[in-house]
Protein backbone atom coordinates (compact mmCIF):
# COMPACT_ATOMS: atom_id res chain seq x y z
CA UNK A 1 72.35 94.97 45.11
CA UNK A 2 73.51 97.99 46.99
CA UNK A 3 72.16 96.52 50.30
CA UNK A 4 74.29 93.51 49.71
CA UNK A 5 77.45 95.55 48.84
CA UNK A 6 76.76 97.58 52.17
CA UNK A 7 76.39 94.51 54.13
CA UNK A 8 79.43 93.15 52.94
CA UNK A 9 81.32 96.44 53.79
CA UNK A 10 79.91 96.21 57.09
CA UNK A 11 80.98 92.68 57.58
CA UNK A 12 84.62 93.68 56.55
CA UNK A 13 84.47 96.55 58.85
CA UNK A 14 83.47 94.47 61.71
CA UNK A 15 85.74 91.55 61.48
CA UNK A 16 88.69 93.79 61.64
CA UNK A 17 88.49 93.99 65.32
CA UNK A 18 87.56 90.49 65.88
CA UNK A 19 90.38 89.15 63.99
CA UNK A 20 92.82 91.53 66.32
CA UNK A 21 91.02 89.96 69.15
CA UNK A 22 91.24 86.69 68.16
CA UNK A 23 95.05 86.87 67.47
CA UNK A 24 95.66 88.81 70.68
CA UNK A 25 94.10 85.70 72.56
CA UNK A 26 95.86 83.10 70.29
CA UNK A 27 99.14 84.76 71.04
CA UNK A 28 98.80 85.16 74.75
CA UNK A 29 97.28 81.54 75.30
CA UNK A 30 99.34 79.81 72.53
CA UNK A 31 95.92 78.33 71.32
CA UNK A 32 95.98 76.66 67.67
CA UNK A 33 92.36 76.90 67.73
CA UNK A 34 92.05 80.55 68.16
CA UNK A 35 94.88 81.15 65.66
CA UNK A 36 93.18 78.96 63.28
CA UNK A 37 89.79 80.88 63.79
CA UNK A 38 91.44 84.19 63.40
CA UNK A 39 92.86 82.95 59.91
CA UNK A 40 89.30 81.88 59.05
CA UNK A 41 87.85 85.30 59.79
CA UNK A 42 90.70 86.84 57.89
CA UNK A 43 89.98 84.69 54.90
CA UNK A 44 86.31 85.55 55.11
CA UNK A 45 87.15 89.14 55.17
CA UNK A 46 89.12 88.73 52.14
CA UNK A 47 86.62 87.02 50.16
CA UNK A 48 84.09 89.58 51.09
CA UNK A 49 86.59 92.39 49.79
CA UNK A 50 87.20 90.43 46.78
CA UNK A 51 83.38 90.41 46.13
CA UNK A 52 83.32 94.21 46.51
CA UNK A 53 86.64 95.10 44.31
CA UNK A 54 85.15 92.79 41.75
CA UNK A 55 81.98 94.68 41.66
CA UNK A 56 83.92 97.95 41.25
CA UNK A 57 86.40 96.66 39.00
CA UNK A 58 84.08 96.92 36.06
CA UNK A 59 83.94 100.89 36.62
CA UNK A 60 87.40 101.26 37.49
CA UNK A 61 89.97 99.15 35.75
CA UNK A 62 92.79 99.87 38.13
CA UNK A 63 91.24 97.59 40.77
CA UNK A 64 91.89 94.47 38.68
CA UNK A 65 95.10 94.34 40.14
CA UNK A 66 93.41 94.21 43.91
CA UNK A 67 91.29 91.54 42.62
CA UNK A 68 93.85 89.45 41.54
CA UNK A 69 95.86 90.08 44.77
CA UNK A 70 92.93 88.97 46.81
CA UNK A 71 92.13 85.79 44.65
CA UNK A 72 95.96 84.97 45.23
CA UNK A 73 95.61 85.63 48.88
CA UNK A 74 92.50 83.34 49.32
CA UNK A 75 94.17 80.68 47.40
CA UNK A 76 97.40 80.73 49.44
CA UNK A 77 95.40 80.97 52.74
CA UNK A 78 92.90 78.25 52.04
CA UNK A 79 95.86 75.90 50.61
CA UNK A 80 97.80 76.72 54.05
CA UNK A 81 94.77 75.79 56.01
CA UNK A 82 94.30 72.60 54.25
CA UNK A 83 97.70 71.71 54.34
CA UNK A 84 98.23 72.06 58.08
CA UNK A 85 94.78 70.13 58.54
CA UNK A 86 96.62 67.26 56.59
CA UNK A 87 99.53 67.28 58.65
CA UNK A 88 97.57 66.91 61.61
CA UNK A 89 96.00 64.09 60.65
């Protein structure tokens, strides 16, 4: 279990610069695909943080607020992506 948590933490730390680079190129090229890729990367990072926070929330009850916030961000992000993809069709 500790290896999984360490891997998730490493994933979160590695996706931050990937997100920044994708958003930079999306802004420079005005590419919708790059922006969408950056959104997916940020949502996957949010999901990884949700798993990490959920595991630690049993030990520190104050982290339940973070868990609820991350769930809200995930739901909003996924609904926004689905809504925009339906509008494109």
